[in-house]
Amino acid sequence: MTLHNISSRELREKKTKKDREHGRVKHKSDRFLKRTAAVLSIIFAALMLYPFLFALSCSMKDNSKIYEVPLKLLPAKANSISIVLDYSDLEIRDEAQQKDLMMQDSILTMFSVSYKMPDASVMEIQIYGVRDGKTLFHSRAHQMKLQMERDYGIYASTAIKKEVLLHDDRYVRACESIGYEYSAQGLSYGPEGDYDEAWTRDILNATSEKYETVGKMAGVIQKTNNLLNLESFKYYLQMPAYIYPGSPQVVRLGFFAFVLNSIIVIGFAMIAQVILCSVCAFVISRQLSQRAGRFVLLFFMGGMMIPFASIMLPQLIMYRQMGAYNNYAALLLPFLYPYGFYVYLYKGFFDQIPGSYFEAAALDGAGSLYLYREICMPLSKPIISLIALQTFIGNWNDFFWAWLVTEDQKLWTLNVALYNISNNMGTKQNALMGLSILTITPVMLVSVLFSKQLKQSIAASGIKG
């Protein structure tokens, strides 16, 4: 009996020891799998985000820097230079003439530096006109502002030469567009910092021969301000106003005119699909017989199988005959057709609602509208969230139909505008990348901010997988 007890105890101890070892091995295996999954997730996330980060980096570079070899992911440091022109030796004392000469020198210097030194990453140029120790003139321009004036504005399709820059009243209009301050009594501020000999020498070598100024270059102050790279996006938003000066709405709102159109179209699509699909599903689920409901549902699901290319031309002709062309009606009417998959989602959800709810309401004299409004829709919040988010994400990048039915720039949605701007000969790659980032970012933000709600909606809707 004693030997038997000892043997049983030894067996239990061996089993316990074995279980512990097995538990440790399993714990190590689970920990290894979790670490491996985390590392792989980070790698794949980095690979997926690389195109976005690359486009973001290119949008903050000079256009010439995009093509440099070897390619650099991060943009170069943004240089801000302040060029001081001294007019102390100027014999002219007339204020109007003095101001005019300073405006000429400002335009000459800004555009010549931007043109002759494209690889220097000069993102900001400031011109100070000083005389007898007082600062009389100041003008400041971002590199993208100068680029837009050269590509689409006052100096579009012209050579950057002194006689061209100063021809007629071009320099006056350019100064007014860029902005400047002048005071014969002296401004309350002036250049700050020490002169950089290397930058002074380089700019003198680049501009003194063909872009000689009346004022003598006293020196150049160089600073680094990487926030200037982000300021480029301000001018990307203004760019459509330069490209399409014939459209008052685009001139007034810039790129936001296209954002507003996309919001109008997608907002209408979300509201229309949420309401129309739910109404159709309610009728199929609660008003029709099971056989008739299946037939009607088959009609909506079958509509999803028809390729858009096969109905594109007939639909376009029909819309033109209806007068729905080159106006908001052409953009909005297609969303008045309930999307079959959303009808299917709603029907599946309505079928799961206990029939006792409807029977109790019917005994109290409730009609179909009451059943739909007070029972079905309040319980369908997960489905509504799912359909609204899917409609937004799915239609934000919609392009082809909006491109077919709109010619006026004031009606363009984001993707149509981006396509047409990219076809413009003057559009630089850094600007195109910047506009692409502005187009992509809203979808990414919505996906990130509402990812948890989207998962909950899918789970509540009963979708498997």
Protein backbone atom coordinates (compact mmCIF):
# COMPACT_ATOMS: atom_id res chain seq x y z
CA MET A 1 0.00 0.00 0.00
CA THR A 2 2.83 2.31 0.85
CA LEU A 3 4.71 1.44 -2.32
CA HIS A 4 1.55 2.02 -4.32
CA ASN A 5 1.06 5.48 -2.78
CA ILE A 6 4.68 6.40 -3.47
CA SER A 7 4.34 5.25 -7.07
CA SER A 8 1.12 7.26 -7.55
CA ARG A 9 2.73 10.37 -6.09
CA GLU A 10 5.72 10.02 -8.40
CA LEU A 11 3.42 9.66 -11.39
CA ARG A 12 1.48 12.77 -10.39
CA GLU A 13 4.70 14.72 -9.92
CA LYS A 14 6.00 13.61 -13.31
CA LYS A 15 2.70 14.55 -14.94
CA THR A 16 2.69 17.96 -13.25
CA LYS A 17 6.29 18.58 -14.32
CA LYS A 18 5.46 17.52 -17.86
CA ASP A 19 2.42 19.83 -17.94
CA ARG A 20 4.53 22.73 -16.73
CA GLU A 21 7.15 22.11 -19.39
CA HIS A 22 4.44 21.86 -22.03
CA GLY A 23 2.91 25.12 -20.78
CA ARG A 24 6.28 26.90 -20.96
CA VAL A 25 6.88 25.63 -24.50
CA LYS A 26 3.38 26.71 -25.55
CA HIS A 27 3.86 30.13 -23.93
CA LYS A 28 7.19 30.60 -25.77
CA SER A 29 5.59 29.48 -29.02
CA ASP A 30 2.66 31.91 -28.61
CA ARG A 31 5.04 34.73 -27.75
CA PHE A 32 7.18 33.97 -30.81
CA LEU A 33 4.11 33.94 -33.07
CA LYS A 34 2.91 37.27 -31.67
CA ARG A 35 6.30 38.88 -32.20
CA THR A 36 6.54 37.50 -35.72
CA ALA A 37 3.05 38.74 -36.55
CA ALA A 38 3.90 42.19 -35.16
CA VAL A 39 7.13 42.42 -37.18
CA LEU A 40 5.44 41.28 -40.40
CA SER A 41 2.56 43.73 -39.83
CA ILE A 42 5.03 46.60 -39.42
CA ILE A 43 6.91 45.57 -42.58
CA PHE A 44 3.77 45.31 -44.70
CA ALA A 45 2.39 48.57 -43.28
CA ALA A 46 5.65 50.31 -44.21
CA LEU A 47 5.50 48.88 -47.73
CA MET A 48 1.90 50.02 -48.13
CA LEU A 49 2.64 53.51 -46.81
CA TYR A 50 5.84 53.98 -48.84
CA PRO A 51 4.09 55.34 -51.99
CA PHE A 52 2.17 57.85 -49.85
CA LEU A 53 5.33 58.94 -48.00
CA PHE A 54 7.24 59.19 -51.27
CA ALA A 55 4.55 61.42 -52.80
CA LEU A 56 4.49 63.53 -49.63
CA SER A 57 8.26 63.96 -49.78
CA CYS A 58 8.22 64.89 -53.48
CA SER A 59 5.50 67.46 -52.87
CA MET A 60 7.81 69.28 -50.45
CA LYS A 61 10.81 69.33 -52.81
CA ASP A 62 11.84 71.65 -55.59
CA ASN A 63 10.71 70.20 -58.90
CA SER A 64 14.33 69.70 -60.01
CA LYS A 65 15.12 67.75 -56.82
CA ILE A 66 12.57 65.06 -57.70
CA TYR A 67 14.80 63.81 -60.52
CA GLU A 68 18.08 63.76 -58.60
CA VAL A 69 20.13 60.56 -58.52
CA PRO A 70 20.48 58.81 -56.14
CA LEU A 71 16.91 59.38 -55.06
CA LYS A 72 16.44 60.76 -51.54
CA LEU A 73 13.26 60.05 -49.61
CA LEU A 74 13.48 63.08 -47.33
CA PRO A 75 13.37 66.58 -48.82
CA ALA A 76 16.48 68.77 -48.53
CA LYS A 77 16.56 71.50 -45.90
CA ALA A 78 14.56 74.56 -46.90
CA ASN A 79 16.73 77.64 -47.37
CA SER A 80 15.41 81.12 -46.67
CA ILE A 81 17.57 83.90 -48.09
CA SER A 82 17.33 87.63 -47.47
CA ILE A 83 19.00 89.76 -50.16
CA VAL A 84 19.89 93.30 -49.11
CA LEU A 85 20.14 95.92 -51.87
CA ASP A 86 21.77 99.23 -50.93
CA TYR A 87 20.61 102.45 -52.61
CA SER A 88 22.72 104.88 -50.60
CA ASP A 89 24.68 105.94 -53.72
CA LEU A 90 21.50 106.54 -55.73
CA GLU A 91 21.24 110.16 -56.82
CA ILE A 92 17.50 110.04 -57.43
CA ARG A 93 15.48 111.41 -54.52
CA ASP A 94 11.99 111.35 -56.02
CA GLU A 95 9.93 108.90 -53.95
CA ALA A 96 7.85 107.54 -56.83
CA GLN A 97 10.89 106.91 -59.00
CA GLN A 98 12.83 105.44 -56.09
CA LYS A 99 9.99 103.05 -55.31
CA ASP A 100 9.72 102.07 -58.97
CA LEU A 101 13.42 101.20 -59.16
CA MET A 102 13.18 99.09 -56.00
CA MET A 103 10.22 97.20 -57.43
CA GLN A 104 12.16 96.49 -60.61
CA ASP A 105 15.19 95.26 -58.68
CA SER A 106 12.98 93.10 -56.46
CA ILE A 107 11.40 91.28 -59.42
CA LEU A 108 14.74 90.95 -61.22
CA THR A 109 16.44 89.45 -58.19
CA MET A 110 13.64 87.09 -57.16
CA PHE A 111 13.03 85.55 -60.55
CA SER A 112 16.69 85.41 -61.54
CA VAL A 113 17.67 83.57 -58.34
CA SER A 114 14.72 81.17 -58.72
CA TYR A 115 15.61 80.56 -62.38
CA LYS A 116 19.41 80.36 -62.16
CA MET A 117 19.66 78.36 -58.92
CA PRO A 118 17.01 75.64 -59.18
CA ASP A 119 19.04 73.06 -57.23
CA ALA A 120 19.77 75.23 -54.19
CA SER A 121 16.46 74.47 -52.41
CA VAL A 122 15.72 78.17 -51.98
CA MET A 123 12.15 78.04 -50.70
CA GLU A 124 11.88 81.68 -49.62
CA ILE A 125 13.38 84.88 -51.05
CA GLN A 126 13.17 88.19 -49.23
CA ILE A 127 14.33 91.47 -50.74
CA TYR A 128 15.27 94.45 -48.55
CA GLY A 129 15.93 97.87 -50.07
CA VAL A 130 18.00 100.02 -47.73
CA ARG A 131 19.25 103.59 -48.00
CA ASP A 132 21.34 105.54 -45.54
CA GLY A 133 20.83 102.87 -42.89
CA LYS A 134 17.02 102.79 -43.22
CA THR A 135 14.95 99.95 -44.70
CA LEU A 136 12.63 101.50 -47.29
CA PHE A 137 11.40 98.44 -49.20
CA HIS A 138 10.60 94.80 -48.39
CA SER A 139 9.11 91.99 -50.45
CA ARG A 140 8.84 88.30 -49.71
CA ALA A 141 8.00 85.40 -52.05
CA HIS A 142 7.79 81.66 -51.60
CA GLN A 143 9.41 79.55 -54.28
CA MET A 144 6.02 78.09 -55.33
CA LYS A 145 4.56 81.58 -55.75
CA LEU A 146 7.34 82.47 -58.18
CA GLN A 147 6.89 79.14 -59.94
CA MET A 148 3.17 79.74 -60.46
CA GLU A 149 3.79 83.21 -61.88
CA ARG A 150 6.26 81.66 -64.31
CA ASP A 151 4.03 78.72 -65.27
CA TYR A 152 0.55 80.26 -65.38
CA GLY A 153 0.67 83.89 -64.31
CA ILE A 154 2.27 87.12 -65.48
CA TYR A 155 5.38 85.49 -66.95
CA ALA A 156 3.75 82.39 -68.43
CA SER A 157 5.33 81.22 -71.72
CA THR A 158 8.06 83.88 -71.52
CA ALA A 159 11.83 83.76 -71.20
CA ILE A 160 13.30 84.83 -67.88
CA LYS A 161 15.32 87.76 -69.22
CA LYS A 162 15.76 91.25 -67.85
CA GLU A 163 13.97 92.95 -70.71
CA VAL A 164 11.07 90.48 -70.43
CA LEU A 165 10.76 90.74 -66.65
CA LEU A 166 10.67 94.55 -66.78
CA HIS A 167 8.61 94.92 -69.96
CA ASP A 168 5.78 97.44 -69.72
CA ASP A 169 3.99 97.11 -66.34
CA ARG A 170 4.72 93.43 -65.77
CA TYR A 171 7.01 94.04 -62.82
CA VAL A 172 4.37 96.26 -61.19
CA ARG A 173 1.69 93.59 -61.51
CA ALA A 174 4.12 90.94 -60.29
CA CYS A 175 4.99 93.02 -57.20
CA GLU A 176 1.31 93.53 -56.44
CA SER A 177 0.65 89.82 -56.79
CA ILE A 178 3.61 88.85 -54.59
CA GLY A 179 3.15 91.68 -52.10
CA TYR A 180 5.52 94.36 -50.85
CA GLU A 181 5.89 97.22 -48.37
CA TYR A 182 7.46 100.63 -49.04
CA SER A 183 7.92 103.69 -46.87
CA ALA A 184 10.09 106.70 -47.67
CA GLN A 185 10.43 107.34 -43.90
CA GLY A 186 11.63 103.79 -43.31
CA LEU A 187 9.96 100.54 -42.26
CA SER A 188 9.79 99.46 -38.63
CA TYR A 189 11.82 96.33 -39.36
CA GLY A 190 14.79 95.31 -41.45
CA PRO A 191 17.13 92.42 -42.28
CA GLU A 192 18.35 90.40 -39.31
CA GLY A 193 21.48 88.26 -39.22
CA ASP A 194 24.99 88.19 -40.60
CA TYR A 195 25.86 88.08 -44.25
CA ASP A 196 26.84 84.68 -45.65
CA GLU A 197 29.86 85.11 -47.93
CA ALA A 198 29.30 81.87 -49.87
CA TRP A 199 25.66 82.64 -50.64
CA THR A 200 26.51 86.26 -51.50
CA ARG A 201 29.19 85.12 -53.93
CA ASP A 202 26.97 82.46 -55.57
CA ILE A 203 24.04 84.83 -56.08
CA LEU A 204 26.30 87.59 -57.43
CA ASN A 205 27.82 85.14 -59.92
CA ALA A 206 24.38 83.92 -60.99
CA THR A 207 22.71 87.31 -61.42
CA SER A 208 25.23 90.11 -61.89
CA GLU A 209 25.91 89.54 -65.60
CA LYS A 210 22.40 89.40 -67.15
CA TYR A 211 20.24 90.68 -64.28
CA GLU A 212 22.10 93.76 -63.12
CA THR A 213 20.19 95.79 -60.52
CA VAL A 214 20.29 99.52 -59.75
CA GLY A 215 20.83 98.83 -56.07
CA LYS A 216 24.16 97.41 -54.97
CA MET A 217 23.98 93.98 -53.35
CA ALA A 218 25.21 94.52 -49.79
CA GLY A 219 24.98 90.83 -48.88
CA VAL A 220 22.82 87.76 -48.44
CA ILE A 221 21.52 86.38 -45.14
CA GLN A 222 20.82 82.66 -45.18
CA LYS A 223 18.65 80.73 -42.71
CA THR A 224 17.06 77.28 -42.60
CA ASN A 225 13.32 76.94 -42.07
CA ASN A 226 11.89 73.52 -42.88
CA LEU A 227 8.33 74.75 -42.30
CA LEU A 228 8.66 76.42 -45.71
CA ASN A 229 8.35 72.95 -47.24
CA LEU A 230 4.86 72.64 -45.76
CA GLU A 231 3.94 76.14 -46.95
CA SER A 232 4.07 74.77 -50.50
CA PHE A 233 0.65 73.20 -49.92
CA LYS A 234 -0.85 76.67 -49.49
CA TYR A 235 0.10 77.45 -53.07
CA TYR A 236 -1.01 74.07 -54.37
CA LEU A 237 -4.50 75.01 -53.16
CA GLN A 238 -4.26 78.33 -55.02
CA MET A 239 -2.93 76.81 -58.24
CA PRO A 240 -6.31 76.11 -59.96
CA ALA A 241 -7.11 79.83 -59.77
CA TYR A 242 -4.04 80.47 -61.93
CA ILE A 243 -4.76 77.65 -64.38
CA TYR A 244 -8.48 78.44 -64.87
CA PRO A 245 -8.82 82.24 -64.57
CA GLY A 246 -12.04 82.14 -66.63
CA SER A 247 -14.02 80.39 -63.89
CA PRO A 248 -15.08 82.85 -61.15
CA GLN A 249 -15.82 80.10 -58.63
CA VAL A 250 -12.42 78.45 -59.11
CA VAL A 251 -10.67 81.83 -58.93
CA ARG A 252 -12.47 82.59 -55.67
CA LEU A 253 -12.10 79.20 -53.97
CA GLY A 254 -9.11 77.62 -55.67
CA PHE A 255 -8.79 73.87 -55.09
CA PHE A 256 -11.58 74.07 -52.49
CA ALA A 257 -14.06 74.54 -55.37
CA PHE A 258 -13.40 70.92 -56.37
CA VAL A 259 -13.46 69.75 -52.75
CA LEU A 260 -16.89 71.37 -52.34
CA ASN A 261 -18.22 69.58 -55.44
CA SER A 262 -16.97 66.23 -54.14
CA ILE A 263 -18.59 66.86 -50.75
CA ILE A 264 -21.91 67.75 -52.42
CA VAL A 265 -21.88 64.63 -54.61
CA ILE A 266 -20.78 62.22 -51.89
CA GLY A 267 -23.06 63.74 -49.26
CA PHE A 268 -26.02 63.30 -51.61
CA ALA A 269 -24.90 59.74 -52.41
CA MET A 270 -24.67 58.78 -48.75
CA ILE A 271 -28.10 60.18 -47.90
CA ALA A 272 -29.74 58.71 -51.02
CA GLN A 273 -28.29 55.23 -50.56
CA VAL A 274 -29.06 55.07 -46.82
CA ILE A 275 -32.71 56.07 -47.36
CA LEU A 276 -33.56 54.43 -50.69
CA CYS A 277 -31.89 51.11 -49.94
CA SER A 278 -33.59 50.88 -46.55
CA VAL A 279 -37.02 51.63 -48.06
CA CYS A 280 -36.56 48.96 -50.74
CA ALA A 281 -35.33 46.43 -48.19
CA PHE A 282 -38.25 47.18 -45.83
CA VAL A 283 -40.77 46.56 -48.59
CA ILE A 284 -39.03 43.33 -49.64
CA SER A 285 -38.67 42.05 -46.08
CA ARG A 286 -41.98 43.11 -44.51
CA GLN A 287 -44.49 44.03 -47.20
CA LEU A 288 -44.05 41.44 -49.94
CA SER A 289 -44.56 37.71 -49.85
CA GLN A 290 -41.44 35.57 -49.57
CA ARG A 291 -41.60 34.57 -53.24
CA ALA A 292 -42.18 38.12 -54.51
CA GLY A 293 -39.48 39.45 -52.19
CA ARG A 294 -36.93 37.03 -53.61
CA PHE A 295 -37.80 38.07 -57.16
CA VAL A 296 -37.44 41.79 -56.41
CA LEU A 297 -34.19 41.19 -54.52
CA LEU A 298 -32.91 39.21 -57.50
CA PHE A 299 -33.63 42.27 -59.68
CA PHE A 300 -31.40 44.49 -57.52
CA MET A 301 -28.65 41.88 -57.19
CA GLY A 302 -28.75 41.23 -60.92
CA GLY A 303 -28.21 44.92 -61.56
CA MET A 304 -24.82 44.61 -59.88
CA MET A 305 -23.71 42.13 -62.55
CA ILE A 306 -24.18 44.51 -65.47
CA PRO A 307 -20.81 46.07 -66.45
CA PHE A 308 -20.87 49.86 -66.46
CA ALA A 309 -19.11 49.91 -69.83
CA SER A 310 -22.14 48.25 -71.44
CA ILE A 311 -24.61 50.91 -70.24
CA MET A 312 -22.30 53.92 -70.21
CA LEU A 313 -23.15 55.27 -73.66
CA PRO A 314 -26.94 54.68 -73.49
CA GLN A 315 -27.02 56.26 -70.04
CA LEU A 316 -25.04 59.28 -71.24
CA ILE A 317 -27.38 59.77 -74.23
CA MET A 318 -30.45 59.44 -71.99
CA TYR A 319 -29.09 61.98 -69.52
CA ARG A 320 -28.27 64.48 -72.26
CA GLN A 321 -31.80 64.18 -73.65
CA MET A 322 -33.14 64.78 -70.13
CA GLY A 323 -31.03 67.92 -69.81
CA ALA A 324 -28.84 66.32 -67.16
CA TYR A 325 -25.48 67.19 -68.70
CA ASN A 326 -22.80 69.60 -67.52
CA ASN A 327 -24.79 70.38 -64.36
CA TYR A 328 -25.24 68.98 -60.87
CA ALA A 329 -28.18 66.83 -61.95
CA ALA A 330 -25.84 64.75 -64.11
CA LEU A 331 -23.62 64.12 -61.09
CA LEU A 332 -26.38 63.35 -58.59
CA LEU A 333 -29.08 61.40 -60.45
CA PRO A 334 -27.12 58.09 -60.73
CA PHE A 335 -27.23 57.75 -56.94
CA LEU A 336 -31.03 57.59 -56.97
CA TYR A 337 -30.74 53.94 -58.01
CA PRO A 338 -30.47 51.73 -54.88
CA TYR A 339 -27.26 49.70 -54.86
CA GLY A 340 -28.13 46.01 -54.76
CA PHE A 341 -25.61 44.95 -52.13
CA TYR A 342 -26.84 47.58 -49.67
CA VAL A 343 -30.44 46.47 -50.24
CA TYR A 344 -29.32 42.91 -49.48
CA LEU A 345 -27.63 44.05 -46.24
CA TYR A 346 -30.70 45.92 -45.08
CA LYS A 347 -33.03 43.02 -45.92
CA GLY A 348 -30.91 40.53 -43.99
CA PHE A 349 -30.93 42.82 -40.98
CA PHE A 350 -34.69 43.52 -41.16
CA ASP A 351 -35.38 39.78 -41.40
CA GLN A 352 -33.64 39.30 -38.03
CA ILE A 353 -35.88 41.80 -36.21
CA PRO A 354 -38.44 39.83 -34.12
CA GLY A 355 -41.88 39.81 -35.72
CA SER A 356 -43.47 40.51 -32.32
CA TYR A 357 -42.29 44.13 -32.60
CA PHE A 358 -44.27 44.64 -35.79
CA GLU A 359 -47.30 42.69 -34.55
CA ALA A 360 -47.53 44.76 -31.36
CA ALA A 361 -47.24 48.02 -33.31
CA ALA A 362 -49.83 46.85 -35.85
CA LEU A 363 -52.31 46.04 -33.04
CA ASP A 364 -51.95 49.67 -31.90
CA GLY A 365 -52.90 50.82 -35.39
CA ALA A 366 -49.41 51.67 -36.66
CA GLY A 367 -49.02 51.93 -40.42
CA SER A 368 -46.14 50.85 -42.64
CA LEU A 369 -44.43 54.25 -42.46
CA TYR A 370 -44.44 54.10 -38.66
CA LEU A 371 -43.02 50.56 -38.67
CA TYR A 372 -40.23 51.67 -41.00
CA ARG A 373 -39.44 54.94 -39.21
CA GLU A 374 -39.82 53.94 -35.57
CA ILE A 375 -38.76 50.26 -35.54
CA CYS A 376 -36.53 49.40 -38.50
CA MET A 377 -34.41 52.53 -38.83
CA PRO A 378 -33.54 53.06 -35.12
CA LEU A 379 -32.40 49.43 -34.91
CA SER A 380 -30.38 49.74 -38.14
CA LYS A 381 -27.70 52.16 -36.91
CA PRO A 382 -24.85 49.64 -37.49
CA ILE A 383 -26.02 49.09 -41.08
CA ILE A 384 -26.46 52.82 -41.67
CA SER A 385 -22.90 53.49 -40.44
CA LEU A 386 -21.50 50.74 -42.64
CA ILE A 387 -23.31 51.91 -45.78
CA ALA A 388 -22.48 55.57 -45.18
CA LEU A 389 -18.77 54.83 -44.74
CA GLN A 390 -18.63 52.45 -47.69
CA THR A 391 -20.42 54.95 -49.91
CA PHE A 392 -17.97 57.68 -48.90
CA ILE A 393 -14.85 55.56 -49.44
CA GLY A 394 -16.17 53.98 -52.62
CA ASN A 395 -17.24 57.20 -54.31
CA TRP A 396 -14.51 59.62 -53.16
CA ASN A 397 -12.26 58.27 -55.91
CA ASP A 398 -15.02 58.01 -58.53
CA PHE A 399 -13.79 59.55 -61.76
CA PHE A 400 -15.15 58.25 -65.05
CA TRP A 401 -18.81 59.28 -64.89
CA ALA A 402 -18.04 62.72 -63.48
CA TRP A 403 -15.48 63.19 -66.25
CA LEU A 404 -18.02 62.17 -68.91
CA VAL A 405 -20.82 64.53 -67.88
CA THR A 406 -18.96 67.72 -66.87
CA GLU A 407 -17.12 70.28 -68.99
CA ASP A 408 -17.36 73.39 -66.81
CA GLN A 409 -14.51 73.68 -64.30
CA LYS A 410 -16.87 74.78 -61.54
CA LEU A 411 -18.53 71.32 -61.65
CA TRP A 412 -15.39 69.21 -61.52
CA THR A 413 -14.94 66.83 -58.62
CA LEU A 414 -11.52 66.26 -57.10
CA ASN A 415 -10.40 63.43 -59.36
CA VAL A 416 -11.64 65.10 -62.54
CA ALA A 417 -9.81 68.29 -61.57
CA LEU A 418 -6.64 66.38 -60.73
CA TYR A 419 -6.75 64.61 -64.09
CA ASN A 420 -7.16 67.84 -66.04
CA ILE A 421 -4.50 69.68 -64.03
CA SER A 422 -2.06 66.82 -64.65
CA ASN A 423 -2.66 67.19 -68.41
CA ASN A 424 -1.69 70.86 -68.25
CA MET A 425 1.75 71.34 -69.77
CA GLY A 426 2.83 73.79 -67.07
CA THR A 427 2.08 71.52 -64.10
CA LYS A 428 5.24 70.42 -62.31
CA GLN A 429 5.63 67.04 -60.66
CA ASN A 430 5.98 68.41 -57.14
CA ALA A 431 2.68 70.28 -57.52
CA LEU A 432 0.98 67.18 -58.93
CA MET A 433 2.24 65.13 -55.99
CA GLY A 434 1.00 67.78 -53.55
CA LEU A 435 -2.49 67.84 -55.06
CA SER A 436 -2.56 64.03 -54.98
CA ILE A 437 -1.73 64.08 -51.27
CA LEU A 438 -4.56 66.56 -50.66
CA THR A 439 -6.92 64.20 -52.53
CA ILE A 440 -5.83 61.01 -50.78
CA THR A 441 -5.64 62.33 -47.21
CA PRO A 442 -9.42 62.63 -46.48
CA VAL A 443 -10.03 58.96 -47.31
CA MET A 444 -7.10 57.87 -45.17
CA LEU A 445 -8.29 60.00 -42.25
CA VAL A 446 -11.86 58.66 -42.47
CA SER A 447 -10.58 55.08 -42.67
CA VAL A 448 -8.35 55.55 -39.61
CA LEU A 449 -10.78 57.57 -37.49
CA PHE A 450 -13.77 55.32 -38.16
CA SER A 451 -11.98 51.95 -38.43
CA LYS A 452 -13.33 50.78 -35.06
CA GLN A 453 -16.87 51.82 -35.94
CA LEU A 454 -16.53 50.16 -39.34
CA LYS A 455 -15.50 46.86 -37.73
CA GLN A 456 -18.39 47.03 -35.27
CA SER A 457 -20.84 47.78 -38.09
CA ILE A 458 -19.62 44.83 -40.13
CA ALA A 459 -19.90 42.54 -37.11
CA ALA A 460 -23.38 43.79 -36.30
CA SER A 461 -24.52 43.44 -39.89
CA GLY A 462 -23.85 39.73 -39.85
CA ILE A 463 -21.25 39.71 -42.64
CA LYS A 464 -19.02 36.67 -42.36
CA GLY A 465 -15.31 36.63 -43.11
